[in-house]
Protein backbone atom coordinates (compact mmCIF):
# COMPACT_ATOMS: atom_id res chain seq x y z
CA MET A 1 -26.69 12.62 -12.23
CA LYS A 2 -23.22 11.00 -11.94
CA ALA A 3 -20.17 12.88 -12.93
CA LEU A 4 -18.09 11.11 -15.67
CA ILE A 5 -15.65 9.64 -13.59
CA GLU A 6 -17.67 8.70 -10.56
CA LYS A 7 -20.30 6.80 -12.53
CA ALA A 8 -17.09 5.33 -14.38
CA ARG A 9 -15.35 3.99 -10.62
CA PHE A 10 -18.72 2.71 -10.01
CA ASP A 11 -19.08 0.78 -13.17
CA PHE A 12 -15.03 -0.74 -12.40
CA HIS A 13 -16.34 -1.92 -9.35
CA LYS A 14 -19.43 -3.19 -10.63
CA ARG A 15 -17.48 -5.12 -13.26
CA LEU A 16 -14.75 -6.48 -10.86
CA PHE A 17 -18.01 -8.37 -9.08
CA GLU A 18 -19.87 -9.56 -12.38
CA THR A 19 -16.87 -10.89 -13.50
CA ASN A 20 -16.18 -12.76 -9.88
CA THR A 21 -12.80 -10.99 -10.22
CA LEU A 22 -13.56 -9.97 -6.64
CA ASN A 23 -15.60 -12.85 -5.20
CA LEU A 24 -16.01 -14.52 -1.49
CA ASN A 25 -15.16 -18.41 -1.24
CA SER A 26 -17.26 -20.58 0.88
CA LYS A 27 -15.29 -19.28 3.92
CA GLY A 28 -15.86 -15.95 3.36
CA VAL A 29 -12.47 -15.03 2.24
CA VAL A 30 -12.16 -12.42 -0.42
CA SER A 31 -10.24 -13.34 -3.66
CA ASN A 32 -7.53 -10.30 -3.21
CA ALA A 33 -6.69 -11.28 0.29
CA ASP A 34 -3.88 -13.37 1.66
CA THR A 35 -5.41 -16.43 2.92
CA SER A 36 -2.19 -16.72 5.08
CA SER A 37 -2.78 -13.31 6.82
CA ASN A 38 -5.57 -12.35 8.92
CA SER A 39 -5.29 -8.62 8.54
CA SER A 40 -5.33 -8.90 5.02
CA LYS A 41 -8.39 -11.00 4.79
CA LYS A 42 -9.81 -8.73 7.42
CA ILE A 43 -9.18 -5.63 5.61
CA ALA A 44 -10.29 -7.19 1.95
CA ARG A 45 -13.78 -8.21 3.69
CA LYS A 46 -14.23 -4.87 5.52
CA VAL A 47 -13.61 -2.78 1.84
CA ILE A 48 -16.56 -5.23 0.45
CA ASP A 49 -18.58 -5.02 2.92
CA ILE A 50 -18.04 -1.50 2.45
CA LEU A 51 -18.47 -1.50 -1.25
CA VAL A 52 -21.72 -3.70 -0.79
CA GLU A 53 -23.49 -1.64 1.72
CA GLU A 54 -22.66 1.95 0.04
CA GLN A 55 -22.87 1.15 -3.63
CA LYS A 56 -25.42 -2.18 -3.49
CA HIS A 57 -22.86 -4.17 -5.78
CA LYS A 58 -23.49 -7.80 -5.68
CA ILE A 59 -20.90 -10.26 -4.38
CA ASN A 60 -20.87 -13.85 -5.82
CA VAL A 61 -19.50 -16.70 -3.38
CA SER A 62 -17.70 -19.06 -5.51
CA GLU A 63 -14.07 -20.83 -5.71
CA LYS A 64 -11.72 -18.48 -6.45
CA ILE A 65 -10.21 -18.31 -9.67
CA ASN A 66 -6.56 -19.15 -10.29
CA GLY A 67 -4.11 -16.15 -9.74
CA GLN A 68 -3.03 -15.73 -13.38
CA THR A 69 -7.07 -15.26 -14.72
CA LEU A 70 -7.82 -13.07 -11.92
CA GLY A 71 -4.13 -11.11 -12.78
CA LYS A 72 -5.95 -11.14 -16.42
CA GLN A 73 -9.43 -9.92 -15.62
CA PHE A 74 -8.18 -6.80 -13.51
CA GLU A 75 -6.03 -5.56 -16.56
CA VAL A 76 -8.73 -6.11 -18.93
CA LEU A 77 -11.31 -3.59 -16.68
CA THR A 78 -8.81 -1.29 -15.52
CA MET A 79 -8.16 -1.06 -19.29
CA GLU A 80 -11.95 -0.50 -19.82
CA PHE A 81 -11.85 2.09 -17.09
CA LEU A 82 -9.26 4.26 -19.09
CA SER A 83 -10.93 3.57 -21.86
CA ASN A 84 -14.21 4.96 -20.44
CA THR A 85 -12.65 8.03 -18.97
CA PHE A 86 -9.03 8.88 -20.09
CA PRO A 87 -10.39 10.15 -24.20
CA GLN A 88 -12.93 11.90 -22.99
CA LEU A 89 -10.81 14.68 -21.12
CA GLN A 90 -10.21 15.96 -24.79
CA ASN A 91 -10.38 19.70 -23.30
CA LEU A 92 -7.50 18.88 -21.46
CA ARG A 93 -5.74 16.33 -23.55
CA PRO A 94 -6.46 16.32 -26.85
CA GLY A 95 -5.80 13.56 -29.61
CA ALA A 96 -7.00 10.32 -31.05
CA TRP A 97 -6.29 8.35 -28.17
CA HIS A 98 -5.51 4.23 -27.99
CA ILE A 99 -5.88 2.33 -24.81
CA LEU A 100 -4.80 -1.42 -24.95
CA GLN A 101 -4.06 -4.41 -23.12
CA LEU A 102 -0.75 -5.25 -24.43
CA GLY A 103 -0.49 -8.74 -23.69
CA ASN A 104 -3.56 -9.76 -25.96
CA ASN A 105 -2.70 -7.53 -28.35
CA ASN A 106 0.00 -9.61 -30.60
CA ARG A 107 0.58 -6.66 -33.04
CA LEU A 108 1.36 -4.20 -31.09
CA LYS A 109 5.29 -4.37 -28.78
CA THR A 110 6.63 -2.01 -27.01
CA SER A 111 9.15 -1.60 -29.92
CA ASP A 112 6.52 -0.15 -31.58
CA PHE A 113 6.15 3.32 -30.12
CA GLU A 114 9.10 5.97 -31.22
CA GLN A 115 10.89 5.52 -27.68
CA TYR A 116 11.41 1.87 -27.71
CA GLU A 117 12.40 1.29 -31.40
CA HIS A 118 15.64 -0.08 -30.98
CA LEU A 119 14.84 -2.66 -29.22
CA ALA A 120 13.01 -4.34 -31.74
CA TYR A 121 17.16 -4.23 -33.20
CA LEU A 122 18.60 -5.43 -30.27
CA SER A 123 16.51 -8.82 -29.85
CA GLU A 124 17.11 -9.52 -33.47
CA LEU A 125 20.84 -9.15 -32.73
CA THR A 126 20.62 -11.24 -29.32
CA ALA A 127 18.13 -13.78 -31.51
CA GLU A 128 21.24 -14.30 -34.14
CA ASN A 129 24.28 -14.32 -31.66
CA ALA A 130 24.18 -16.45 -28.56
CA ARG A 131 27.07 -14.50 -26.85
CA LEU A 132 25.57 -11.72 -27.70
CA ALA A 133 22.82 -12.47 -25.51
CA ALA A 134 24.63 -13.91 -23.08
CA ALA A 135 26.58 -10.67 -22.48
CA LEU A 136 22.91 -8.63 -22.77
CA GLY A 137 20.34 -10.43 -21.31
CA ASN A 138 17.06 -9.94 -21.87
CA ASP A 139 16.33 -6.94 -19.59
CA TYR A 140 15.39 -4.39 -21.90
CA LEU A 141 12.60 -6.22 -23.05
CA VAL A 142 9.25 -4.44 -21.50
CA ALA A 143 5.77 -5.74 -21.48
CA PRO A 144 3.56 -3.12 -19.85
CA ASP A 145 0.21 -4.76 -19.15
CA VAL A 146 -1.98 -1.56 -20.58
CA VAL A 147 -0.78 1.49 -22.45
CA ILE A 148 -1.86 4.69 -24.07
CA TYR A 149 -0.30 6.03 -27.15
CA LYS A 150 -2.23 8.80 -29.38
CA ASP A 151 -2.08 8.57 -33.29
CA LEU A 152 0.35 11.40 -35.02
CA LEU A 153 -0.24 14.32 -36.06
CA GLU A 154 -0.64 15.29 -39.39
CA ASP A 155 0.66 18.74 -41.12
CA GLU A 156 -3.24 19.86 -41.44
CA PHE A 157 -4.07 19.55 -38.25
CA ILE A 158 -1.01 21.03 -36.92
CA ASN A 159 -1.26 24.23 -39.52
CA ILE A 160 -5.32 24.10 -38.52
CA LYS A 161 -5.27 28.13 -36.72
CA GLN A 162 -1.77 28.99 -38.88
CA GLU A 163 0.99 27.70 -40.39
CA ILE A 164 3.45 26.06 -37.75
CA VAL A 165 4.92 23.48 -39.80
CA SER A 166 6.71 23.42 -43.35
CA ASN A 167 8.92 21.25 -45.30
CA ASN A 168 11.76 22.63 -44.02
CA VAL A 169 12.06 22.61 -40.57
CA CYS A 170 11.02 20.19 -37.62
CA LYS A 171 11.71 17.34 -39.69
CA MET A 172 12.58 14.96 -36.68
CA THR A 173 9.88 15.71 -34.37
CA ASP A 174 8.45 12.84 -33.25
CA VAL A 175 4.59 13.81 -33.35
CA ARG A 176 4.60 14.86 -37.06
CA LYS A 177 3.57 11.96 -39.28
CA SER A 178 4.89 13.08 -41.99
CA ASN A 179 8.41 12.66 -40.56
CA GLY A 180 7.54 8.77 -40.96
CA GLY A 181 7.85 7.79 -37.06
CA LYS A 182 5.98 5.54 -34.97
CA PRO A 183 3.48 6.34 -32.29
CA VAL A 184 4.95 7.70 -29.28
CA LEU A 185 3.69 5.90 -25.76
CA HIS A 186 2.00 8.26 -23.50
CA ALA A 187 1.67 5.72 -20.29
CA SER A 188 2.57 2.44 -19.20
CA VAL A 189 0.26 1.08 -16.59
CA SER A 190 0.90 -2.09 -14.33
CA ALA A 191 -2.19 -3.64 -13.54
CA LYS A 192 -1.73 -5.72 -10.34
CA PHE A 193 -4.62 -7.53 -8.53
CA THR A 194 -2.65 -7.86 -5.58
CA MET A 195 0.87 -7.63 -4.55
CA ARG A 196 2.89 -10.11 -3.49
CA SER A 197 6.47 -9.53 -2.81
CA ASP A 198 7.06 -10.82 -5.93
CA ARG A 199 4.90 -9.00 -7.86
CA ALA A 200 6.05 -5.90 -6.44
CA GLN A 201 9.13 -6.54 -7.34
CA ASN A 202 7.82 -7.36 -11.28
CA SER A 203 6.40 -3.49 -11.62
CA ARG A 204 9.56 -2.11 -10.38
CA THR A 205 11.32 -3.79 -13.20
CA GLU A 206 8.81 -3.04 -15.60
CA ALA A 207 8.86 0.35 -14.60
CA LEU A 208 12.89 0.92 -14.46
CA ASN A 209 13.39 -0.95 -17.79
CA LEU A 210 11.10 1.94 -19.65
CA ILE A 211 13.09 4.75 -17.80
CA ARG A 212 16.30 3.04 -18.49
CA ASN A 213 16.07 1.86 -22.05
CA ARG A 214 14.26 4.92 -23.97
CA LYS A 215 15.16 7.46 -26.22
CA GLY A 216 12.95 10.35 -26.14
CA HIS A 217 10.11 11.58 -23.59
CA LEU A 218 9.58 9.15 -20.69
CA PRO A 219 6.02 7.92 -20.89
CA HIS A 220 3.51 8.14 -17.58
CA ILE A 221 4.72 4.74 -15.20
CA VAL A 222 2.20 4.01 -12.95
CA VAL A 223 0.67 0.77 -11.00
CA VAL A 224 -3.16 0.04 -10.26
CA THR A 225 -3.74 -2.51 -7.82
CA ALA A 226 -6.49 -4.06 -5.61
CA GLU A 227 -4.08 -5.23 -2.83
CA PRO A 228 -5.36 -4.58 0.65
CA LEU A 229 -2.44 -4.74 2.94
CA PRO A 230 -0.66 -1.06 3.48
CA SER A 231 2.80 -2.97 4.09
CA ARG A 232 2.34 -4.48 0.68
CA LEU A 233 1.57 -1.54 -0.92
CA ALA A 234 4.77 0.31 0.68
CA SER A 235 7.03 -2.33 -0.30
CA LEU A 236 6.55 -0.28 -3.78
CA ALA A 237 5.04 2.93 -3.43
CA LEU A 238 7.17 3.93 -0.77
CA GLY A 239 10.19 6.13 -2.36
CA THR A 240 10.65 7.93 -5.51
CA GLY A 241 12.11 7.65 -8.86
CA ASP A 242 10.39 4.12 -10.06
CA ILE A 243 7.01 4.54 -10.89
CA ASP A 244 4.81 7.75 -11.00
CA CYS A 245 2.44 6.33 -8.50
CA MET A 246 0.30 3.95 -7.08
CA TYR A 247 -3.77 4.09 -7.68
CA HIS A 248 -5.84 1.49 -5.47
CA PHE A 249 -8.95 0.22 -6.79
CA ALA A 250 -11.01 1.67 -3.92
CA LEU A 251 -8.70 3.73 -1.67
CA TYR A 252 -11.49 5.47 -0.01
CA GLU A 253 -13.06 2.43 1.21
CA LEU A 254 -9.38 0.93 2.15
CA ILE A 255 -9.05 3.80 4.52
CA ARG A 256 -12.35 3.46 5.86
CA ALA A 257 -11.64 -0.17 6.42
CA VAL A 258 -7.97 -0.15 8.11
CA LYS A 259 -9.50 2.66 9.98
CA GLU A 260 -12.44 0.49 11.60
CA VAL A 261 -10.35 -3.53 11.64
CA GLY A 262 -6.66 -2.70 11.00
CA SER A 263 -3.40 -2.17 12.94
CA GLU A 264 -2.62 1.36 14.62
CA ASP A 265 0.93 0.73 12.33
CA ALA A 266 -1.21 -0.32 9.41
CA ASN A 267 -3.12 2.90 9.73
CA ASP A 268 -0.30 5.32 10.11
CA LEU A 269 1.38 3.69 7.10
CA LEU A 270 -1.60 4.17 4.98
CA ASP A 271 -2.12 7.46 6.28
CA THR A 272 1.95 8.13 5.28
CA LEU A 273 1.36 6.82 1.53
CA VAL A 274 -1.80 9.25 1.08
CA LYS A 275 -0.41 12.25 2.59
CA GLY A 276 2.86 11.44 0.47
CA LYS A 277 1.48 11.29 -2.55
CA ARG A 278 2.63 7.72 -3.12
CA LEU A 279 -0.93 6.12 -3.30
CA LYS A 280 -4.45 7.76 -4.63
CA ASP A 281 -7.61 6.26 -5.59
CA ILE A 282 -8.45 4.70 -9.38
CA SER A 283 -10.32 7.85 -10.36
CA ASP A 284 -7.25 10.71 -9.81
CA LEU A 285 -5.66 8.22 -12.55
CA PRO A 286 -7.62 9.97 -15.72
CA LEU A 287 -6.58 13.18 -14.37
CA ASP A 288 -3.08 12.70 -13.83
CA LEU A 289 -2.36 11.24 -16.99
CA ALA A 290 -3.74 14.39 -19.07
CA VAL A 291 -0.16 15.71 -17.22
């Protein structure tokens, strides 16, 4: 039997093919490739060929779905992968975890989490005052693609082995449900099917907003992508401070593909990203979130 995360990775790829998120058009170009870049087309096609060869996934031939739809499908499948893995790590990170695609869940907003509760008040103020809105702008508004949070803790659970808390202490800690707070955001996952320059900057903006506007604990901030070009991956992955790390949907296959059909520069750049711990495989993400 396959290990849990190995199986989830296999199923993640299978779902990408089943939903036509990854497909070939009539000219044999993969849906995550940039049609204006020969390198992108070659590497993306090689990755798919490796997946089909090694894992027997079936890829469909059809006209490319529009970019916005592909992006939303990739978000959903990323959420499914995390839902099938991270909550199973109870021995590493116990809790009643919730994993949601924020864009499709209108009842939940970033301001519904403890670290960003004040953003709702700012939003109300700027909605009522045009001059204040012009002065502040709306940079504080953040909308992660996928979020992970867990339920706050009842006193009975905290005191299950011995009395840890009482009514006399711990009156402002965020994790204690009796304090009346909101859930603490554990992770923000930006799922980007491809990394064209503008999309890369969107992920950076989301990350910086979460960093600047928080009150309290900073959540994990990660990016998941299916971008095939190392140079575009590097546009966001290189450097530190904005995101924890970038995760590729098929890094093992990408490394092999770039070695076989990519340029020497592309191979060196990809090697730099991997050895510098700025780019990891999707299978590494659940365990990294347990830190």
